[in-house]
Amino acid sequence: MARDVDATLPGAGEGVKALSPALAARFDGVRARLEALAGSPPQVLLLEGATADERYAVALWWAARLNCREASAPCLACPACVQVTGGMHRDVFLFDGREGNISIDSVREVRSILGEPPRGDGYRVIVFAEAQSLGEAAANALLKSLEEPRPGTSFLLLAPQRERLLPTLVSRGWVLTLPWPRPMDAPAETVTPWLDALAAFCGSGRGWFEKTGVRGAVDADLATAVVLACERALLAALSGEADAGDGGHAPSPMATHPLTAFFSRLGPEGMAQVDALLAHCSESLALRPSPVTPPMVLDWLAAHLFGLARSRRKSPAAAR
């Protein structure tokens, strides 16, 4: 359901902490671009990249910027800013995909919100956190609201990658790419052989099932660690570390791994599919009790990654 920010995390006492990631130096360029848009805010703004918490922090900063009346907006000290960061602003609404799928009934509540003018002197800000949780019917219902002019209203769609959303939603707004997180931690020694085997399987289709088929070889902790390491490899690919240096910074330990190179070759759409596969694996492993065994989860992941590799090899673009 639609709810004021105070009904979800962060609580009033944690508001400034939730916004603080947006104030980090690595987001200086993001804030500068948003400042340039603040004079005439786009009705729809899509934030991709970074982490879920960082995307949400930037959304809070934007809501404060559009509602702060001080010269140095957002001042983070006036009543409007305090209400936004503390989760008490009556013109800031959140549809939270972090809690599960965003249903069509929830999206229909947008129309009741839009039927009234903003209650304050600034903008009404409607945030769809983890908007990839919108089902197709919910996304199409939202699209109808986005297509109509809504003076005084700013929609924010937050997602790991724009490719996770319906193209029609993406086409309705401005896309701002936030800095990708840097996967600095190296995988544990016990995980590295599994990553090597997975990368080899993506190329040859051989050797993986023999490895996972050994009795007791894969437990829940190992499977979770392998999925996490794959997520780090994906982040390294998304940040471009597999193809070039990273602005003078030391590359992450995953930057040169064959799995990172494989993800990079898949391109944006392919990496979006990998992101969805890894999210599904994480959810399956987190279930207690789980309806599937850890080896089944890793086998499912390997089979789908190999399918992506085959699709790429058969595509005309890959052949050129």
Protein backbone atom coordinates (compact mmCIF):
# COMPACT_ATOMS: atom_id res chain seq x y z
CA MET A 1 0.00 0.00 0.00
CA ALA A 2 0.99 3.62 -0.34
CA ARG A 3 2.30 5.04 2.88
CA ASP A 4 3.98 8.12 4.24
CA VAL A 5 7.70 7.67 4.73
CA ASP A 6 7.26 7.52 8.51
CA ALA A 7 5.43 4.20 8.18
CA THR A 8 8.56 2.43 6.91
CA LEU A 9 12.25 2.34 7.59
CA PRO A 10 13.99 4.52 8.49
CA GLY A 11 12.22 5.67 11.62
CA ALA A 12 12.12 9.27 12.74
CA GLY A 13 15.23 8.85 14.87
CA GLU A 14 17.22 7.33 11.99
CA GLY A 15 16.26 9.75 9.22
CA VAL A 16 19.54 11.63 8.90
CA LYS A 17 21.45 8.34 9.00
CA ALA A 18 19.34 7.02 6.11
CA LEU A 19 20.09 10.11 4.02
CA SER A 20 23.81 10.27 4.84
CA PRO A 21 24.97 7.92 2.01
CA ALA A 22 23.76 10.54 -0.48
CA LEU A 23 26.12 13.09 1.10
CA ALA A 24 29.26 11.01 0.48
CA ALA A 25 31.91 12.43 -1.85
CA ARG A 26 31.27 9.73 -4.46
CA PHE A 27 27.79 11.22 -4.91
CA ASP A 28 28.96 14.82 -5.46
CA GLY A 29 28.31 14.52 -9.20
CA VAL A 30 24.87 13.01 -8.62
CA ARG A 31 23.83 15.85 -6.34
CA ALA A 32 25.15 18.39 -8.86
CA ARG A 33 23.05 16.85 -11.64
CA LEU A 34 19.97 16.78 -9.44
CA GLU A 35 20.57 20.41 -8.48
CA ALA A 36 20.58 21.30 -12.18
CA LEU A 37 17.20 19.58 -12.56
CA ALA A 38 15.63 21.10 -9.45
CA GLY A 39 14.61 24.35 -11.17
CA SER A 40 12.26 22.42 -13.44
CA PRO A 41 12.01 18.90 -12.01
CA PRO A 42 11.17 16.08 -14.40
CA GLN A 43 7.89 14.43 -13.55
CA VAL A 44 9.55 11.01 -13.60
CA LEU A 45 13.11 10.32 -12.47
CA LEU A 46 14.65 6.85 -12.54
CA LEU A 47 17.62 6.19 -10.26
CA GLU A 48 19.72 3.13 -11.15
CA GLY A 49 23.03 1.85 -9.85
CA ALA A 50 24.51 2.03 -6.33
CA THR A 51 22.92 -0.09 -3.59
CA ALA A 52 19.28 -0.18 -2.52
CA ASP A 53 20.08 1.90 0.58
CA GLU A 54 22.05 4.43 -1.45
CA ARG A 55 19.27 4.77 -4.03
CA TYR A 56 16.81 5.39 -1.23
CA ALA A 57 19.14 7.94 0.39
CA VAL A 58 19.37 9.89 -2.89
CA ALA A 59 15.58 9.76 -3.16
CA LEU A 60 15.30 11.30 0.32
CA TRP A 61 17.83 13.99 -0.65
CA TRP A 62 15.78 14.81 -3.75
CA ALA A 63 12.55 14.98 -1.71
CA ALA A 64 14.25 17.34 0.75
CA ARG A 65 15.63 19.45 -2.11
CA LEU A 66 12.19 19.90 -3.66
CA ASN A 67 10.54 20.83 -0.37
CA CYS A 68 13.20 22.94 1.36
CA ARG A 69 12.52 26.68 1.09
CA GLU A 70 15.97 27.80 2.23
CA ALA A 71 18.51 29.35 -0.17
CA SER A 72 20.96 26.50 0.34
CA ALA A 73 18.42 23.74 -0.23
CA PRO A 74 18.38 21.17 1.07
CA CYS A 75 19.58 22.71 4.31
CA LEU A 76 18.74 19.55 6.30
CA ALA A 77 17.80 21.74 9.26
CA CYS A 78 14.50 23.47 8.38
CA PRO A 79 11.13 21.91 9.32
CA ALA A 80 10.60 20.53 5.79
CA CYS A 81 14.02 18.85 5.68
CA VAL A 82 13.67 17.47 9.19
CA GLN A 83 10.26 16.05 8.27
CA VAL A 84 11.62 14.39 5.13
CA THR A 85 14.72 12.92 6.77
CA GLY A 86 12.75 11.97 9.87
CA GLY A 87 10.02 10.27 7.86
CA MET A 88 7.23 12.66 8.79
CA HIS A 89 6.62 14.73 5.64
CA ARG A 90 3.00 14.59 4.51
CA ASP A 91 3.85 15.04 0.81
CA VAL A 92 6.39 12.20 0.59
CA PHE A 93 4.97 8.74 -0.12
CA LEU A 94 6.71 5.40 -0.46
CA PHE A 95 5.74 2.23 -2.28
CA ASP A 96 8.30 -0.16 -0.92
CA GLY A 97 9.30 -3.05 -3.16
CA ARG A 98 11.87 -4.07 -0.55
CA GLU A 99 8.97 -5.55 1.40
CA GLY A 100 7.71 -7.67 -1.50
CA ASN A 101 5.90 -7.23 -4.79
CA ILE A 102 4.16 -3.91 -5.41
CA SER A 103 0.59 -4.89 -6.29
CA ILE A 104 -1.79 -3.28 -8.74
CA ASP A 105 -4.06 -2.34 -5.83
CA SER A 106 -1.21 -0.40 -4.27
CA VAL A 107 -0.53 1.43 -7.52
CA ARG A 108 -4.20 2.35 -7.85
CA GLU A 109 -3.85 4.27 -4.60
CA VAL A 110 -1.64 6.69 -6.51
CA ARG A 111 -4.70 8.15 -8.22
CA SER A 112 -6.32 9.01 -4.90
CA ILE A 113 -3.10 10.76 -3.87
CA LEU A 114 -2.85 12.60 -7.18
CA GLY A 115 -6.44 13.77 -6.92
CA GLU A 116 -5.40 16.29 -4.26
CA PRO A 117 -2.90 19.14 -4.47
CA PRO A 118 0.29 18.88 -2.39
CA ARG A 119 -0.40 19.71 1.22
CA GLY A 120 2.70 21.84 1.66
CA ASP A 121 4.46 24.57 -0.32
CA GLY A 122 6.81 22.23 -2.16
CA TYR A 123 6.46 19.11 -4.27
CA ARG A 124 4.66 15.87 -3.71
CA VAL A 125 7.29 13.11 -4.08
CA ILE A 126 6.15 9.54 -4.75
CA VAL A 127 8.92 6.97 -4.41
CA PHE A 128 8.79 3.44 -5.80
CA ALA A 129 11.70 1.75 -4.02
CA GLU A 130 12.96 -1.34 -5.87
CA ALA A 131 10.49 -0.66 -8.67
CA GLN A 132 11.48 -3.94 -10.34
CA SER A 133 9.04 -5.45 -7.81
CA LEU A 134 6.17 -4.04 -9.86
CA GLY A 135 4.29 -6.81 -11.60
CA GLU A 136 3.36 -6.29 -15.24
CA ALA A 137 -0.23 -5.30 -14.41
CA ALA A 138 0.96 -2.91 -11.67
CA ALA A 139 3.59 -1.41 -14.00
CA ASN A 140 0.99 -0.81 -16.72
CA ALA A 141 -1.35 0.80 -14.18
CA LEU A 142 1.46 3.08 -13.02
CA LEU A 143 2.25 3.97 -16.62
CA LYS A 144 -1.21 5.51 -17.02
CA SER A 145 -0.52 7.84 -14.09
CA LEU A 146 2.90 8.79 -15.42
CA GLU A 147 1.54 9.67 -18.86
CA GLU A 148 -0.70 12.46 -17.53
CA PRO A 149 0.80 15.86 -16.58
CA ARG A 150 1.01 16.15 -12.80
CA PRO A 151 2.12 19.67 -11.81
CA GLY A 152 3.81 19.73 -8.43
CA THR A 153 4.49 15.98 -8.40
CA SER A 154 7.75 14.10 -8.81
CA PHE A 155 7.79 10.32 -9.29
CA LEU A 156 10.95 8.45 -8.37
CA LEU A 157 11.58 4.93 -9.66
CA LEU A 158 14.48 3.18 -7.93
CA ALA A 159 15.98 0.04 -9.47
CA PRO A 160 19.36 -1.70 -9.72
CA GLN A 161 19.30 -1.32 -13.52
CA ARG A 162 16.86 0.30 -15.93
CA GLU A 163 16.63 -3.01 -17.83
CA ARG A 164 14.79 -4.49 -14.83
CA LEU A 165 11.82 -2.23 -15.62
CA LEU A 166 9.34 -2.17 -18.47
CA PRO A 167 10.83 -0.14 -21.34
CA THR A 168 7.67 1.98 -21.43
CA LEU A 169 8.28 3.06 -17.83
CA VAL A 170 11.89 3.92 -18.56
CA SER A 171 10.92 5.94 -21.62
CA ARG A 172 8.69 8.23 -19.55
CA GLY A 173 11.42 9.77 -17.44
CA TRP A 174 14.98 10.90 -16.91
CA VAL A 175 17.50 8.20 -16.02
CA LEU A 176 20.27 9.03 -13.58
CA THR A 177 22.95 6.39 -13.04
CA LEU A 178 24.45 6.43 -9.55
CA PRO A 179 28.01 5.21 -8.88
CA TRP A 180 28.16 1.44 -8.83
CA PRO A 181 29.32 -0.04 -5.52
CA ARG A 182 32.84 -1.42 -5.51
CA PRO A 183 33.13 -5.12 -4.60
CA MET A 184 36.38 -4.94 -2.62
CA ASP A 185 36.23 -8.18 -0.66
CA ALA A 186 37.98 -11.17 -2.17
CA PRO A 187 36.06 -14.47 -2.16
CA ALA A 188 37.10 -16.99 0.45
CA GLU A 189 39.58 -19.66 -0.57
CA THR A 190 36.84 -22.28 -0.36
CA VAL A 191 34.66 -20.30 -2.78
CA THR A 192 37.25 -19.48 -5.47
CA PRO A 193 37.37 -23.02 -6.95
CA TRP A 194 33.59 -22.92 -7.33
CA LEU A 195 33.73 -19.59 -9.16
CA ASP A 196 36.43 -20.97 -11.43
CA ALA A 197 34.30 -24.04 -12.15
CA LEU A 198 31.22 -21.91 -12.80
CA ALA A 199 33.10 -19.67 -15.24
CA ALA A 200 34.42 -22.73 -17.06
CA PHE A 201 30.95 -24.29 -17.21
CA CYS A 202 29.51 -21.09 -18.75
CA GLY A 203 31.94 -21.59 -21.62
CA SER A 204 31.89 -25.35 -22.08
CA GLY A 205 28.77 -26.67 -20.37
CA ARG A 206 30.90 -29.33 -18.69
CA GLY A 207 32.16 -30.23 -15.24
CA TRP A 208 29.74 -28.38 -13.00
CA PHE A 209 27.18 -31.05 -12.17
CA GLU A 210 29.88 -33.55 -11.34
CA LYS A 211 31.20 -31.06 -8.77
CA THR A 212 27.84 -30.30 -7.12
CA GLY A 213 26.82 -33.97 -7.29
CA VAL A 214 29.43 -35.04 -4.73
CA ARG A 215 27.56 -35.93 -1.57
CA GLY A 216 27.94 -33.21 1.08
CA ALA A 217 29.99 -30.94 -1.18
CA VAL A 218 27.50 -28.05 -1.07
CA ASP A 219 25.74 -26.81 2.05
CA ALA A 220 23.67 -23.66 2.55
CA ASP A 221 26.63 -21.58 3.73
CA LEU A 222 28.77 -22.45 0.72
CA ALA A 223 25.91 -21.88 -1.74
CA THR A 224 25.21 -18.48 -0.18
CA ALA A 225 28.89 -17.56 -0.39
CA VAL A 226 29.04 -18.58 -4.07
CA VAL A 227 25.98 -16.46 -4.90
CA LEU A 228 27.43 -13.50 -3.00
CA ALA A 229 30.72 -13.83 -4.88
CA CYS A 230 28.78 -13.91 -8.15
CA GLU A 231 27.08 -10.68 -7.12
CA ARG A 232 30.50 -9.12 -6.55
CA ALA A 233 31.62 -10.29 -9.97
CA LEU A 234 28.50 -8.72 -11.48
CA LEU A 235 29.19 -5.43 -9.69
CA ALA A 236 32.74 -5.44 -11.04
CA ALA A 237 31.36 -5.99 -14.55
CA LEU A 238 28.75 -3.25 -14.17
CA SER A 239 31.36 -0.77 -12.93
CA GLY A 240 33.50 -1.46 -16.00
CA GLU A 241 36.39 -2.91 -14.02
CA ALA A 242 36.53 -5.90 -16.34
CA ASP A 243 37.30 -3.62 -19.30
CA ALA A 244 39.32 -0.71 -17.93
CA GLY A 245 40.94 0.83 -14.89
CA ASP A 246 38.72 2.49 -12.31
CA GLY A 247 39.83 6.10 -12.24
CA GLY A 248 43.14 5.43 -10.56
CA HIS A 249 41.64 3.29 -7.81
CA ALA A 250 42.94 -0.19 -7.12
CA PRO A 251 40.73 -2.73 -8.90
CA SER A 252 38.60 -5.05 -6.81
CA PRO A 253 39.75 -8.65 -6.40
CA MET A 254 36.95 -9.80 -8.72
CA ALA A 255 37.90 -7.42 -11.56
CA THR A 256 40.10 -9.94 -13.37
CA HIS A 257 38.14 -13.11 -12.69
CA PRO A 258 36.84 -14.96 -15.79
CA LEU A 259 33.31 -14.85 -14.39
CA THR A 260 33.45 -11.04 -14.32
CA ALA A 261 34.61 -10.99 -17.93
CA PHE A 262 31.77 -13.36 -18.86
CA PHE A 263 29.18 -11.09 -17.24
CA SER A 264 30.66 -8.05 -18.97
CA ARG A 265 30.36 -9.70 -22.38
CA LEU A 266 26.64 -10.26 -21.82
CA GLY A 267 25.96 -6.51 -22.09
CA PRO A 268 23.41 -4.46 -20.11
CA GLU A 269 20.39 -6.66 -20.87
CA GLY A 270 22.26 -9.85 -20.11
CA MET A 271 23.64 -8.46 -16.84
CA ALA A 272 20.12 -7.43 -15.84
CA GLN A 273 19.07 -11.05 -16.32
CA VAL A 274 22.03 -12.22 -14.23
CA ASP A 275 21.00 -9.78 -11.50
CA ALA A 276 17.51 -11.26 -11.48
CA LEU A 277 18.89 -14.83 -11.39
CA LEU A 278 21.14 -14.04 -8.41
CA ALA A 279 18.28 -12.31 -6.57
CA HIS A 280 16.13 -15.42 -7.05
CA CYS A 281 18.93 -17.65 -5.75
CA SER A 282 19.42 -15.46 -2.68
CA GLU A 283 15.72 -15.56 -1.91
CA SER A 284 15.60 -19.34 -2.28
CA LEU A 285 18.57 -19.86 0.02
CA ALA A 286 17.13 -17.50 2.62
CA LEU A 287 13.91 -19.49 3.01
CA ARG A 288 13.73 -21.54 6.19
CA PRO A 289 12.86 -24.30 5.62
CA SER A 290 13.80 -24.12 1.95
CA PRO A 291 11.82 -26.13 -0.62
CA VAL A 292 15.05 -26.68 -2.59
CA THR A 293 18.48 -27.94 -1.60
CA PRO A 294 21.61 -25.75 -1.90
CA PRO A 295 23.05 -27.89 -4.74
CA MET A 296 19.78 -27.50 -6.65
CA VAL A 297 20.03 -23.71 -6.33
CA LEU A 298 23.57 -23.63 -7.70
CA ASP A 299 22.70 -26.07 -10.49
CA TRP A 300 19.72 -23.90 -11.47
CA LEU A 301 21.98 -20.84 -11.56
CA ALA A 302 24.65 -22.60 -13.62
CA ALA A 303 22.12 -23.92 -16.14
CA HIS A 304 20.60 -20.48 -16.66
CA LEU A 305 23.99 -18.80 -16.98
CA PHE A 306 25.00 -21.37 -19.59
CA GLY A 307 21.71 -20.63 -21.38
CA LEU A 308 22.59 -16.94 -21.46
CA ALA A 309 26.02 -17.78 -22.86
CA ARG A 310 24.50 -19.91 -25.62
CA SER A 311 21.97 -17.22 -26.49
CA ARG A 312 24.73 -14.67 -26.80
CA ARG A 313 26.82 -16.91 -29.03
CA LYS A 314 23.83 -17.43 -31.34
CA SER A 315 22.90 -13.73 -31.55
CA PRO A 316 23.84 -11.79 -34.71
CA ALA A 317 25.50 -9.05 -32.60
CA ALA A 318 27.82 -11.59 -30.97
CA ALA A 319 28.70 -13.12 -34.32
CA ARG A 320 29.94 -9.83 -35.78
